[in-house]
């Protein structure tokens, strides 16, 4: 099965049981990361420290969004502004191995202003590839507050929780490679450009038509 890794030792502050040696716990987690990435390629994390209420609310508002009528969801549709890469895609618009993937999704990304990226790694990328400017500097297409109250606020908080968790995972990754824990924070995770897909898999009536869950 997919390995389950205790990332708690690399949180700040760390989450380890009383009496457990922190250095030893970090070595154990780093070793588990090496094995997972070398032998499986995927892993779950536990003891992650993410706010449980925020995680629960993220699921709840996602269900509320996907339960809306199609025309209401299409107010956030991605098709009208594909270069930005953000917004809603209805069932069947994504393709997996040549077959329609029977899910619907709302794609979100970090929102940055031009002044935030200038002088950093993202700014350097835009100088080399100006065609990516609409993607990097685009704005999310959030559901209207009247349609799903609290959606935007919830997912902004959820993104913050996942960024903190991601930084912890990368500290563990650095340790697993024999590097300083903050190696990836230098010009990488401190300028994280996150991408998030909120996915819904509705029931599919016709078998064999596409890929479902």
N, C-alpha and C. Protein backbone atom coordinates (compact mmCIF):
# COMPACT_ATOMS: atom_id res chain seq x y z
N UNK A 1 0.81 -1.19 0.00
CA UNK A 1 0.00 0.00 0.00
C UNK A 1 0.86 1.26 0.00
N UNK A 2 0.20 2.38 -0.03
CA UNK A 2 0.89 3.67 -0.02
C UNK A 2 1.37 3.97 1.40
N UNK A 3 2.66 4.32 1.57
CA UNK A 3 3.19 4.58 2.92
C UNK A 3 2.51 5.75 3.60
N UNK A 4 2.42 5.69 4.91
CA UNK A 4 1.89 6.77 5.74
C UNK A 4 3.03 7.28 6.61
N UNK A 5 3.39 8.55 6.46
CA UNK A 5 4.59 9.09 7.10
C UNK A 5 4.22 10.13 8.15
N UNK A 6 4.81 10.02 9.30
CA UNK A 6 4.63 10.99 10.39
C UNK A 6 5.52 12.20 10.11
N UNK A 7 4.88 13.31 9.71
CA UNK A 7 5.65 14.51 9.36
C UNK A 7 5.80 15.44 10.56
N UNK A 8 5.20 15.06 11.70
CA UNK A 8 5.20 15.90 12.89
C UNK A 8 6.55 16.42 13.34
N UNK A 9 7.63 15.61 13.26
CA UNK A 9 8.93 16.11 13.71
C UNK A 9 9.42 17.33 12.93
N UNK A 10 8.94 17.53 11.72
CA UNK A 10 9.42 18.65 10.91
C UNK A 10 8.48 19.85 10.91
N UNK A 11 7.40 19.77 11.70
CA UNK A 11 6.55 20.93 11.86
C UNK A 11 7.26 21.96 12.73
N UNK A 12 6.78 23.20 12.70
CA UNK A 12 7.32 24.25 13.57
C UNK A 12 6.16 24.90 14.30
N UNK A 13 6.02 24.68 15.62
CA UNK A 13 6.86 23.80 16.45
C UNK A 13 6.61 22.33 16.13
N UNK A 14 7.58 21.46 16.42
CA UNK A 14 7.43 20.03 16.10
C UNK A 14 6.34 19.37 16.93
N UNK A 15 5.76 18.30 16.38
CA UNK A 15 4.75 17.52 17.08
C UNK A 15 5.29 16.10 17.27
N UNK A 16 5.81 15.84 18.46
CA UNK A 16 6.30 14.50 18.80
C UNK A 16 5.78 14.15 20.20
N UNK A 17 5.67 12.86 20.46
CA UNK A 17 5.19 12.43 21.75
C UNK A 17 6.19 12.79 22.84
N UNK A 18 5.65 13.05 24.02
CA UNK A 18 6.50 13.40 25.16
C UNK A 18 7.52 12.29 25.41
N UNK A 19 8.76 12.70 25.60
CA UNK A 19 9.83 11.76 25.87
C UNK A 19 10.54 11.23 24.64
N UNK A 20 10.00 11.52 23.44
CA UNK A 20 10.63 11.07 22.20
C UNK A 20 11.74 12.03 21.81
N UNK A 21 12.89 11.50 21.45
CA UNK A 21 14.03 12.32 21.04
C UNK A 21 13.74 12.91 19.67
N UNK A 22 13.74 14.25 19.57
CA UNK A 22 13.37 14.93 18.33
C UNK A 22 14.33 14.59 17.19
N UNK A 23 15.63 14.59 17.47
CA UNK A 23 16.60 14.30 16.41
C UNK A 23 16.39 12.89 15.85
N UNK A 24 16.12 11.95 16.75
CA UNK A 24 15.88 10.58 16.29
C UNK A 24 14.59 10.48 15.48
N UNK A 25 13.57 11.22 15.92
CA UNK A 25 12.29 11.21 15.20
C UNK A 25 12.46 11.79 13.80
N UNK A 26 13.26 12.85 13.68
CA UNK A 26 13.51 13.43 12.36
C UNK A 26 14.26 12.45 11.46
N UNK A 27 15.23 11.74 12.01
CA UNK A 27 15.96 10.75 11.21
C UNK A 27 15.03 9.65 10.72
N UNK A 28 14.10 9.22 11.59
CA UNK A 28 13.16 8.17 11.21
C UNK A 28 12.24 8.64 10.08
N UNK A 29 11.74 9.88 10.19
CA UNK A 29 10.87 10.42 9.14
C UNK A 29 11.63 10.58 7.83
N UNK A 30 12.86 11.09 7.92
CA UNK A 30 13.68 11.26 6.72
C UNK A 30 13.92 9.92 6.03
N UNK A 31 14.18 8.90 6.81
CA UNK A 31 14.38 7.56 6.25
C UNK A 31 13.11 7.06 5.57
N UNK A 32 11.97 7.28 6.21
CA UNK A 32 10.69 6.86 5.62
C UNK A 32 10.43 7.58 4.30
N UNK A 33 10.81 8.86 4.22
CA UNK A 33 10.63 9.62 2.98
C UNK A 33 11.49 9.05 1.86
N UNK A 34 12.71 8.68 2.18
CA UNK A 34 13.60 8.08 1.17
C UNK A 34 12.97 6.81 0.62
N UNK A 35 12.50 5.95 1.51
CA UNK A 35 11.91 4.68 1.09
C UNK A 35 10.66 4.92 0.25
N UNK A 36 9.79 5.82 0.72
CA UNK A 36 8.54 6.09 0.01
C UNK A 36 8.80 6.63 -1.39
N UNK A 37 9.72 7.57 -1.49
CA UNK A 37 9.98 8.20 -2.79
C UNK A 37 10.76 7.29 -3.73
N UNK A 38 11.55 6.38 -3.16
CA UNK A 38 12.36 5.47 -3.98
C UNK A 38 11.56 4.26 -4.44
N UNK A 39 10.66 3.78 -3.59
CA UNK A 39 10.00 2.51 -3.87
C UNK A 39 8.54 2.65 -4.30
N UNK A 40 7.89 3.74 -3.92
CA UNK A 40 6.47 3.89 -4.22
C UNK A 40 6.19 5.11 -5.10
N UNK A 41 6.76 6.24 -4.72
CA UNK A 41 6.51 7.47 -5.47
C UNK A 41 5.39 8.32 -4.90
N UNK A 42 4.66 7.77 -3.95
CA UNK A 42 3.58 8.49 -3.28
C UNK A 42 3.65 8.21 -1.79
N UNK A 43 3.05 9.11 -1.00
CA UNK A 43 2.91 8.83 0.42
C UNK A 43 1.81 9.72 1.01
N UNK A 44 1.20 9.22 2.06
CA UNK A 44 0.28 10.01 2.87
C UNK A 44 1.09 10.60 4.03
N UNK A 45 0.58 11.67 4.63
CA UNK A 45 1.20 12.19 5.84
C UNK A 45 0.19 12.17 6.97
N UNK A 46 0.67 11.91 8.17
CA UNK A 46 -0.15 11.98 9.38
C UNK A 46 0.53 12.91 10.36
N UNK A 47 -0.19 13.24 11.44
CA UNK A 47 0.34 14.17 12.44
C UNK A 47 0.77 15.48 11.77
N UNK A 48 -0.06 15.93 10.83
CA UNK A 48 0.31 17.06 9.97
C UNK A 48 0.04 18.43 10.58
N UNK A 49 -0.78 18.49 11.60
CA UNK A 49 -0.99 19.76 12.29
C UNK A 49 -1.93 20.73 11.60
N UNK A 50 -2.48 20.37 10.43
CA UNK A 50 -3.40 21.28 9.74
C UNK A 50 -4.69 21.43 10.55
N UNK A 51 -5.25 22.62 10.57
CA UNK A 51 -6.45 22.91 11.33
C UNK A 51 -7.61 22.03 10.85
N UNK A 52 -8.11 21.16 11.74
CA UNK A 52 -9.15 20.21 11.35
C UNK A 52 -10.45 20.91 10.96
N UNK A 53 -10.77 22.00 11.63
CA UNK A 53 -12.00 22.72 11.31
C UNK A 53 -11.93 23.32 9.90
N UNK A 54 -10.77 23.86 9.55
CA UNK A 54 -10.60 24.42 8.21
C UNK A 54 -10.72 23.31 7.16
N UNK A 55 -10.12 22.15 7.42
CA UNK A 55 -10.20 21.04 6.48
C UNK A 55 -11.63 20.56 6.30
N UNK A 56 -12.37 20.46 7.40
CA UNK A 56 -13.77 20.04 7.32
C UNK A 56 -14.60 21.06 6.54
N UNK A 57 -14.37 22.34 6.80
CA UNK A 57 -15.13 23.36 6.11
C UNK A 57 -14.81 23.38 4.62
N UNK A 58 -13.55 23.09 4.26
CA UNK A 58 -13.18 23.05 2.85
C UNK A 58 -13.98 21.98 2.11
N UNK A 59 -14.17 20.83 2.75
CA UNK A 59 -14.99 19.78 2.15
C UNK A 59 -16.45 20.22 2.05
N UNK A 60 -16.94 20.87 3.08
CA UNK A 60 -18.35 21.25 3.11
C UNK A 60 -18.67 22.30 2.04
N UNK A 61 -17.87 23.35 1.93
CA UNK A 61 -18.18 24.38 0.93
C UNK A 61 -17.97 23.85 -0.48
N UNK A 62 -17.04 22.89 -0.65
CA UNK A 62 -16.87 22.26 -1.96
C UNK A 62 -18.14 21.51 -2.36
N UNK A 63 -18.71 20.77 -1.42
CA UNK A 63 -19.96 20.05 -1.70
C UNK A 63 -21.07 21.04 -2.06
N UNK A 64 -21.13 22.16 -1.35
CA UNK A 64 -22.14 23.17 -1.65
C UNK A 64 -21.95 23.73 -3.05
N UNK A 65 -20.70 23.97 -3.44
CA UNK A 65 -20.44 24.51 -4.78
C UNK A 65 -20.86 23.53 -5.86
N UNK A 66 -20.45 22.27 -5.73
CA UNK A 66 -20.75 21.30 -6.77
C UNK A 66 -22.23 20.95 -6.84
N UNK A 67 -22.98 21.24 -5.77
CA UNK A 67 -24.42 20.98 -5.76
C UNK A 67 -25.21 22.09 -6.46
N UNK A 68 -24.55 23.18 -6.82
CA UNK A 68 -25.23 24.30 -7.48
C UNK A 68 -25.66 23.91 -8.89
N UNK A 69 -26.67 24.57 -9.45
CA UNK A 69 -27.04 24.35 -10.85
C UNK A 69 -25.87 24.65 -11.78
N UNK A 70 -25.82 23.97 -12.91
CA UNK A 70 -24.71 24.12 -13.83
C UNK A 70 -24.47 25.55 -14.28
N UNK A 71 -25.54 26.30 -14.55
CA UNK A 71 -25.36 27.66 -15.03
C UNK A 71 -24.76 28.56 -13.96
N UNK A 72 -25.02 28.25 -12.69
CA UNK A 72 -24.44 29.04 -11.61
C UNK A 72 -22.94 28.72 -11.50
N UNK A 73 -22.60 27.45 -11.58
CA UNK A 73 -21.18 27.08 -11.53
C UNK A 73 -20.41 27.66 -12.71
N UNK A 74 -21.06 27.75 -13.87
CA UNK A 74 -20.37 28.25 -15.06
C UNK A 74 -20.08 29.74 -14.99
N UNK A 75 -20.63 30.42 -14.00
CA UNK A 75 -20.26 31.83 -13.81
C UNK A 75 -18.78 31.95 -13.48
N UNK A 76 -18.18 30.85 -12.98
CA UNK A 76 -16.75 30.84 -12.69
C UNK A 76 -15.99 30.04 -13.74
N UNK A 77 -16.59 29.81 -14.92
CA UNK A 77 -16.02 28.94 -15.95
C UNK A 77 -14.65 29.36 -16.44
N UNK A 78 -13.83 28.35 -16.72
CA UNK A 78 -12.46 28.59 -17.15
C UNK A 78 -12.37 28.87 -18.65
N UNK A 79 -13.35 28.43 -19.43
CA UNK A 79 -13.25 28.45 -20.88
C UNK A 79 -13.08 29.85 -21.45
N UNK A 80 -13.67 30.85 -20.82
CA UNK A 80 -13.62 32.21 -21.35
C UNK A 80 -12.25 32.85 -21.21
N UNK A 81 -11.38 32.29 -20.40
CA UNK A 81 -10.08 32.91 -20.14
C UNK A 81 -9.04 31.82 -19.88
N UNK A 82 -8.78 30.99 -20.91
CA UNK A 82 -7.95 29.80 -20.73
C UNK A 82 -6.52 30.13 -20.33
N UNK A 83 -5.99 31.27 -20.80
CA UNK A 83 -4.59 31.61 -20.49
C UNK A 83 -4.37 31.79 -19.00
N UNK A 84 -5.40 32.19 -18.28
CA UNK A 84 -5.29 32.39 -16.84
C UNK A 84 -5.29 31.05 -16.11
N UNK A 85 -5.94 30.05 -16.69
CA UNK A 85 -5.92 28.70 -16.13
C UNK A 85 -6.67 28.52 -14.83
N UNK A 86 -7.61 29.39 -14.55
CA UNK A 86 -8.34 29.34 -13.28
C UNK A 86 -9.83 29.31 -13.56
N UNK A 87 -10.55 28.57 -12.72
CA UNK A 87 -12.00 28.55 -12.86
C UNK A 87 -12.56 27.14 -12.93
N UNK A 88 -13.84 27.08 -13.25
CA UNK A 88 -14.62 25.83 -13.21
C UNK A 88 -14.59 25.11 -14.55
N UNK A 89 -14.48 23.78 -14.48
CA UNK A 89 -14.59 22.93 -15.66
C UNK A 89 -15.66 21.87 -15.38
N UNK A 90 -16.66 21.76 -16.25
CA UNK A 90 -17.72 20.78 -16.01
C UNK A 90 -17.26 19.35 -16.28
N UNK A 91 -18.12 18.40 -15.95
CA UNK A 91 -17.81 16.98 -16.11
C UNK A 91 -17.46 16.65 -17.56
N UNK A 92 -16.38 15.88 -17.73
CA UNK A 92 -16.00 15.40 -19.05
C UNK A 92 -15.07 16.30 -19.83
N UNK A 93 -14.75 17.48 -19.31
CA UNK A 93 -13.88 18.40 -20.04
C UNK A 93 -12.41 18.02 -19.93
N UNK A 94 -12.05 17.29 -18.88
CA UNK A 94 -10.69 16.79 -18.75
C UNK A 94 -10.61 15.39 -19.37
N UNK A 95 -9.44 15.08 -19.93
CA UNK A 95 -9.25 13.81 -20.61
C UNK A 95 -8.11 13.03 -19.95
N UNK A 96 -8.35 11.75 -19.66
CA UNK A 96 -7.34 10.86 -19.10
C UNK A 96 -7.14 9.68 -20.03
N UNK A 97 -5.94 9.55 -20.59
CA UNK A 97 -5.62 8.47 -21.53
C UNK A 97 -6.64 8.38 -22.66
N UNK A 98 -6.99 9.54 -23.18
CA UNK A 98 -7.88 9.58 -24.33
C UNK A 98 -9.36 9.43 -24.04
N UNK A 99 -9.71 9.29 -22.76
CA UNK A 99 -11.11 9.14 -22.38
C UNK A 99 -11.53 10.29 -21.47
N UNK A 100 -12.78 10.75 -21.59
CA UNK A 100 -13.23 11.84 -20.71
C UNK A 100 -13.13 11.44 -19.25
N UNK A 101 -12.60 12.32 -18.45
CA UNK A 101 -12.51 12.09 -17.01
C UNK A 101 -13.77 12.67 -16.39
N UNK A 102 -14.57 11.79 -15.80
CA UNK A 102 -15.91 12.19 -15.37
C UNK A 102 -15.90 12.88 -14.00
N UNK A 103 -15.15 13.96 -13.92
CA UNK A 103 -15.18 14.79 -12.73
C UNK A 103 -15.37 16.24 -13.13
N UNK A 104 -15.80 17.04 -12.17
CA UNK A 104 -15.87 18.49 -12.37
C UNK A 104 -14.88 19.11 -11.40
N UNK A 105 -14.40 20.29 -11.73
CA UNK A 105 -13.32 20.85 -10.92
C UNK A 105 -13.33 22.37 -10.95
N UNK A 106 -12.79 22.93 -9.88
CA UNK A 106 -12.55 24.37 -9.80
C UNK A 106 -11.07 24.56 -9.54
N UNK A 107 -10.38 25.16 -10.50
CA UNK A 107 -8.93 25.36 -10.38
C UNK A 107 -8.62 26.72 -9.77
N UNK A 108 -7.79 26.69 -8.73
CA UNK A 108 -7.38 27.90 -8.02
C UNK A 108 -5.86 27.96 -7.99
N UNK A 109 -5.32 29.17 -7.94
CA UNK A 109 -3.88 29.37 -7.82
C UNK A 109 -3.61 30.55 -6.90
N UNK A 110 -2.37 30.65 -6.45
CA UNK A 110 -1.99 31.79 -5.63
C UNK A 110 -2.20 33.07 -6.44
N UNK A 111 -2.62 34.12 -5.78
CA UNK A 111 -2.81 35.41 -6.44
C UNK A 111 -1.66 36.34 -6.05
N UNK A 112 -0.90 36.76 -7.04
CA UNK A 112 0.24 37.63 -6.80
C UNK A 112 0.16 38.87 -7.69
N UNK A 113 0.63 40.00 -7.17
CA UNK A 113 0.74 41.21 -7.96
C UNK A 113 2.11 41.29 -8.61
N UNK A 114 2.22 42.11 -9.65
CA UNK A 114 3.50 42.21 -10.36
C UNK A 114 4.63 42.64 -9.43
N UNK A 115 4.33 43.54 -8.49
CA UNK A 115 5.37 44.03 -7.59
C UNK A 115 5.86 42.91 -6.66
N UNK A 116 5.02 41.90 -6.41
CA UNK A 116 5.40 40.79 -5.54
C UNK A 116 6.39 39.84 -6.21
N UNK A 117 6.34 39.73 -7.52
CA UNK A 117 7.19 38.76 -8.22
C UNK A 117 8.48 39.38 -8.76
N UNK A 118 8.50 40.70 -8.92
CA UNK A 118 9.70 41.36 -9.45
C UNK A 118 10.87 41.17 -8.50
N UNK A 119 12.00 40.78 -9.05
CA UNK A 119 13.19 40.58 -8.25
C UNK A 119 13.35 39.19 -7.70
N UNK A 120 12.31 38.36 -7.84
CA UNK A 120 12.38 36.99 -7.35
C UNK A 120 12.44 35.99 -8.49
N UNK A 121 12.32 34.71 -8.14
CA UNK A 121 12.42 33.66 -9.15
C UNK A 121 11.26 33.72 -10.14
N UNK A 122 10.05 34.08 -9.67
CA UNK A 122 8.91 34.18 -10.58
C UNK A 122 9.10 35.33 -11.57
N UNK A 123 9.65 36.43 -11.08
CA UNK A 123 9.92 37.54 -11.97
C UNK A 123 10.92 37.18 -13.05
N UNK A 124 11.93 36.40 -12.68
CA UNK A 124 12.93 35.96 -13.65
C UNK A 124 12.31 35.05 -14.71
N UNK A 125 11.37 34.20 -14.28
CA UNK A 125 10.68 33.32 -15.22
C UNK A 125 9.86 34.12 -16.21
N UNK A 126 9.17 35.16 -15.72
CA UNK A 126 8.34 35.98 -16.61
C UNK A 126 9.18 36.75 -17.62
N UNK A 127 10.40 37.13 -17.24
CA UNK A 127 11.27 37.82 -18.19
C UNK A 127 11.66 36.89 -19.33
N UNK A 128 11.89 35.62 -19.00
CA UNK A 128 12.26 34.64 -20.03
C UNK A 128 11.05 34.15 -20.82
N UNK A 129 9.90 34.11 -20.14
CA UNK A 129 8.68 33.59 -20.77
C UNK A 129 7.50 34.53 -20.51
N UNK A 130 7.48 35.68 -21.17
CA UNK A 130 6.40 36.64 -20.92
C UNK A 130 5.01 36.10 -21.23
N UNK A 131 4.94 35.05 -22.05
CA UNK A 131 3.64 34.47 -22.38
C UNK A 131 2.96 33.85 -21.15
N UNK A 132 3.73 33.64 -20.08
CA UNK A 132 3.16 33.07 -18.85
C UNK A 132 2.58 34.14 -17.92
N UNK A 133 2.70 35.40 -18.30
CA UNK A 133 2.24 36.49 -17.43
C UNK A 133 0.77 36.36 -17.05
N UNK A 134 -0.16 36.08 -18.00
CA UNK A 134 -1.57 35.94 -17.59
C UNK A 134 -1.78 34.83 -16.57
N UNK A 135 -1.00 33.75 -16.67
CA UNK A 135 -1.13 32.64 -15.73
C UNK A 135 -0.62 33.02 -14.34
N UNK A 136 0.58 33.60 -14.30
CA UNK A 136 1.21 33.91 -13.02
C UNK A 136 0.51 35.05 -12.30
N UNK A 137 0.06 36.05 -13.04
CA UNK A 137 -0.55 37.24 -12.42
C UNK A 137 -2.08 37.21 -12.49
N UNK A 138 -2.65 36.09 -12.88
CA UNK A 138 -4.11 35.99 -13.00
C UNK A 138 -4.81 36.03 -11.66
N UNK A 139 -6.12 36.21 -11.71
CA UNK A 139 -6.94 36.25 -10.49
C UNK A 139 -7.90 35.06 -10.51
N UNK A 140 -8.18 34.54 -9.34
CA UNK A 140 -9.09 33.40 -9.23
C UNK A 140 -10.53 33.80 -9.52
N UNK A 141 -11.30 32.83 -9.99
CA UNK A 141 -12.72 33.02 -10.23
C UNK A 141 -13.48 32.36 -9.08
N UNK A 142 -13.65 33.11 -8.03
CA UNK A 142 -14.28 32.57 -6.83
C UNK A 142 -15.79 32.51 -7.00
N UNK A 143 -16.43 31.49 -6.43
CA UNK A 143 -17.90 31.49 -6.39
C UNK A 143 -18.40 32.74 -5.65
N UNK A 144 -19.51 33.26 -6.10
CA UNK A 144 -20.06 34.44 -5.45
C UNK A 144 -20.48 34.12 -4.02
N UNK A 145 -20.33 35.08 -3.14
CA UNK A 145 -20.66 34.89 -1.73
C UNK A 145 -22.12 34.48 -1.55
N UNK A 146 -23.00 35.02 -2.39
CA UNK A 146 -24.41 34.67 -2.27
C UNK A 146 -24.68 33.22 -2.66
N UNK A 147 -23.82 32.65 -3.50
CA UNK A 147 -24.01 31.27 -3.95
C UNK A 147 -23.42 30.26 -2.96
N UNK A 148 -22.21 30.52 -2.47
CA UNK A 148 -21.58 29.64 -1.47
C UNK A 148 -20.93 30.54 -0.42
N UNK A 149 -21.65 30.90 0.63
CA UNK A 149 -21.10 31.79 1.65
C UNK A 149 -19.82 31.22 2.27
N UNK A 150 -18.80 32.07 2.35
CA UNK A 150 -17.56 31.69 3.02
C UNK A 150 -16.58 30.89 2.19
N UNK A 151 -16.89 30.62 0.92
CA UNK A 151 -16.01 29.76 0.10
C UNK A 151 -14.61 30.37 -0.03
N UNK A 152 -14.54 31.61 -0.46
CA UNK A 152 -13.25 32.26 -0.70
C UNK A 152 -12.42 32.32 0.59
N UNK A 153 -13.03 32.77 1.66
CA UNK A 153 -12.32 32.87 2.94
C UNK A 153 -11.81 31.51 3.39
N UNK A 154 -12.65 30.49 3.23
CA UNK A 154 -12.27 29.15 3.66
C UNK A 154 -11.06 28.65 2.88
N UNK A 155 -11.10 28.78 1.56
CA UNK A 155 -10.00 28.23 0.76
C UNK A 155 -8.73 29.05 0.86
N UNK A 156 -8.84 30.32 1.16
CA UNK A 156 -7.62 31.09 1.44
C UNK A 156 -6.97 30.59 2.72
N UNK A 157 -7.78 30.29 3.74
CA UNK A 157 -7.24 29.74 4.99
C UNK A 157 -6.69 28.34 4.76
N UNK A 158 -7.40 27.54 3.96
CA UNK A 158 -6.94 26.18 3.66
C UNK A 158 -5.59 26.22 2.94
N UNK A 159 -5.44 27.15 1.99
CA UNK A 159 -4.16 27.27 1.29
C UNK A 159 -3.03 27.62 2.25
N UNK A 160 -3.31 28.49 3.22
CA UNK A 160 -2.30 28.83 4.22
C UNK A 160 -1.89 27.60 5.02
N UNK A 161 -2.87 26.78 5.40
CA UNK A 161 -2.57 25.56 6.16
C UNK A 161 -1.72 24.60 5.33
N UNK A 162 -2.06 24.46 4.05
CA UNK A 162 -1.32 23.54 3.19
C UNK A 162 0.08 24.06 2.87
N UNK A 163 0.24 25.37 2.80
CA UNK A 163 1.58 25.93 2.59
C UNK A 163 2.49 25.62 3.78
N UNK A 164 1.95 25.77 4.97
CA UNK A 164 2.74 25.44 6.16
C UNK A 164 3.10 23.96 6.16
N UNK A 165 2.14 23.11 5.81
CA UNK A 165 2.41 21.68 5.75
C UNK A 165 3.44 21.37 4.66
N UNK A 166 3.30 22.01 3.51
CA UNK A 166 4.24 21.78 2.42
C UNK A 166 5.66 22.15 2.80
N UNK A 167 5.80 23.26 3.54
CA UNK A 167 7.14 23.66 3.99
C UNK A 167 7.72 22.61 4.93
N UNK A 168 6.87 22.02 5.77
CA UNK A 168 7.33 20.97 6.68
C UNK A 168 7.78 19.74 5.90
N UNK A 169 7.00 19.37 4.87
CA UNK A 169 7.38 18.21 4.05
C UNK A 169 8.71 18.47 3.35
N UNK A 170 8.90 19.68 2.86
CA UNK A 170 10.15 19.99 2.16
C UNK A 170 11.34 20.02 3.12
N UNK A 171 11.11 20.39 4.39
CA UNK A 171 12.19 20.28 5.37
C UNK A 171 12.57 18.82 5.55
N UNK A 172 11.55 17.95 5.60
CA UNK A 172 11.83 16.53 5.69
C UNK A 172 12.54 16.01 4.45
N UNK A 173 12.13 16.47 3.29
CA UNK A 173 12.78 16.06 2.04
C UNK A 173 14.25 16.48 2.03
N UNK A 174 14.51 17.71 2.47
CA UNK A 174 15.90 18.18 2.52
C UNK A 174 16.73 17.29 3.44
N UNK A 175 16.17 16.99 4.61
CA UNK A 175 16.90 16.13 5.55
C UNK A 175 17.13 14.75 4.97
N UNK A 176 16.16 14.25 4.21
CA UNK A 176 16.31 12.91 3.62
C UNK A 176 17.41 12.87 2.57
N UNK A 177 17.74 14.04 2.01
CA UNK A 177 18.82 14.14 1.01
C UNK A 177 20.15 14.54 1.63
N UNK A 178 20.18 14.64 2.95
CA UNK A 178 21.41 15.01 3.63
C UNK A 178 21.70 16.50 3.55
N UNK A 179 20.68 17.32 3.30
CA UNK A 179 20.84 18.77 3.19
C UNK A 179 20.35 19.45 4.45
N UNK A 180 20.66 20.74 4.60
CA UNK A 180 20.10 21.51 5.69
C UNK A 180 18.58 21.57 5.54
N UNK A 181 17.88 21.57 6.66
CA UNK A 181 16.42 21.53 6.61
C UNK A 181 15.82 22.66 5.78
N UNK A 182 16.40 23.84 5.85
CA UNK A 182 15.83 25.00 5.15
C UNK A 182 16.42 25.19 3.75
N UNK A 183 17.04 24.17 3.22
CA UNK A 183 17.67 24.28 1.89
C UNK A 183 16.67 24.74 0.83
N UNK A 184 15.48 24.14 0.82
CA UNK A 184 14.51 24.45 -0.23
C UNK A 184 13.77 25.76 0.02
N UNK A 185 13.95 26.36 1.19
CA UNK A 185 13.29 27.63 1.48
C UNK A 185 14.00 28.81 0.83
N UNK A 186 15.20 28.58 0.37
CA UNK A 186 16.01 29.67 -0.20
C UNK A 186 15.67 29.86 -1.66
N UNK A 187 14.65 30.69 -1.91
CA UNK A 187 14.26 30.99 -3.29
C UNK A 187 13.31 29.98 -3.89
N UNK A 188 12.82 29.03 -3.08
CA UNK A 188 11.89 28.04 -3.62
C UNK A 188 10.58 28.07 -2.83
N UNK A 189 10.51 27.38 -1.69
CA UNK A 189 9.25 27.34 -0.96
C UNK A 189 8.85 28.70 -0.40
N UNK A 190 9.81 29.61 -0.23
CA UNK A 190 9.45 30.93 0.26
C UNK A 190 8.80 31.78 -0.84
N UNK A 191 8.83 31.29 -2.09
CA UNK A 191 8.15 31.95 -3.20
C UNK A 191 7.15 30.99 -3.84
N UNK A 192 6.59 30.13 -3.05
CA UNK A 192 5.74 29.06 -3.57
C UNK A 192 4.61 29.60 -4.46
N UNK A 193 4.47 28.96 -5.61
CA UNK A 193 3.36 29.27 -6.52
C UNK A 193 2.42 28.06 -6.48
N UNK A 194 1.46 28.11 -5.56
CA UNK A 194 0.62 26.94 -5.39
C UNK A 194 -0.52 26.88 -6.40
N UNK A 195 -0.88 25.65 -6.74
CA UNK A 195 -1.99 25.37 -7.63
C UNK A 195 -2.89 24.36 -6.92
N UNK A 196 -4.18 24.60 -6.90
CA UNK A 196 -5.12 23.74 -6.19
C UNK A 196 -6.30 23.40 -7.09
N UNK A 197 -6.71 22.16 -7.07
CA UNK A 197 -7.90 21.74 -7.81
C UNK A 197 -8.92 21.17 -6.82
N UNK A 198 -10.08 21.82 -6.75
CA UNK A 198 -11.19 21.32 -5.94
C UNK A 198 -12.01 20.42 -6.86
N UNK A 199 -12.13 19.13 -6.51
CA UNK A 199 -12.70 18.15 -7.44
C UNK A 199 -13.99 17.54 -6.89
N UNK A 200 -14.94 17.35 -7.77
CA UNK A 200 -16.16 16.63 -7.45
C UNK A 200 -16.37 15.50 -8.45
N UNK A 201 -16.68 14.30 -7.95
CA UNK A 201 -16.98 13.15 -8.81
C UNK A 201 -18.45 12.79 -8.65
N UNK A 202 -19.31 13.30 -9.54
CA UNK A 202 -20.73 12.95 -9.44
C UNK A 202 -20.97 11.52 -9.92
N UNK A 203 -22.11 10.93 -9.56
CA UNK A 203 -22.44 9.59 -10.07
C UNK A 203 -22.50 9.60 -11.60
N UNK A 204 -21.97 8.54 -12.22
CA UNK A 204 -21.98 8.42 -13.67
C UNK A 204 -22.91 7.28 -14.03
N UNK A 205 -23.90 7.54 -14.89
CA UNK A 205 -24.90 6.55 -15.23
C UNK A 205 -24.41 5.52 -16.25
N UNK A 206 -23.63 6.00 -17.22
CA UNK A 206 -23.24 5.13 -18.33
C UNK A 206 -21.83 4.59 -18.09
N UNK A 207 -21.73 3.26 -17.92
CA UNK A 207 -20.43 2.65 -17.70
C UNK A 207 -19.64 2.59 -19.00
N UNK A 208 -18.33 2.75 -18.88
CA UNK A 208 -17.45 2.63 -20.03
C UNK A 208 -17.31 3.89 -20.86
N UNK A 209 -18.09 4.91 -20.53
CA UNK A 209 -18.04 6.14 -21.32
C UNK A 209 -16.81 6.97 -21.00
N UNK A 210 -16.36 6.93 -19.77
CA UNK A 210 -15.21 7.73 -19.38
C UNK A 210 -14.55 7.14 -18.17
N UNK A 211 -13.63 7.91 -17.59
CA UNK A 211 -12.92 7.49 -16.40
C UNK A 211 -13.57 8.16 -15.20
N UNK A 212 -13.98 7.40 -14.21
CA UNK A 212 -14.62 7.95 -13.03
C UNK A 212 -13.95 7.53 -11.75
N UNK A 213 -14.62 7.76 -10.64
CA UNK A 213 -14.07 7.42 -9.33
C UNK A 213 -15.16 6.78 -8.48
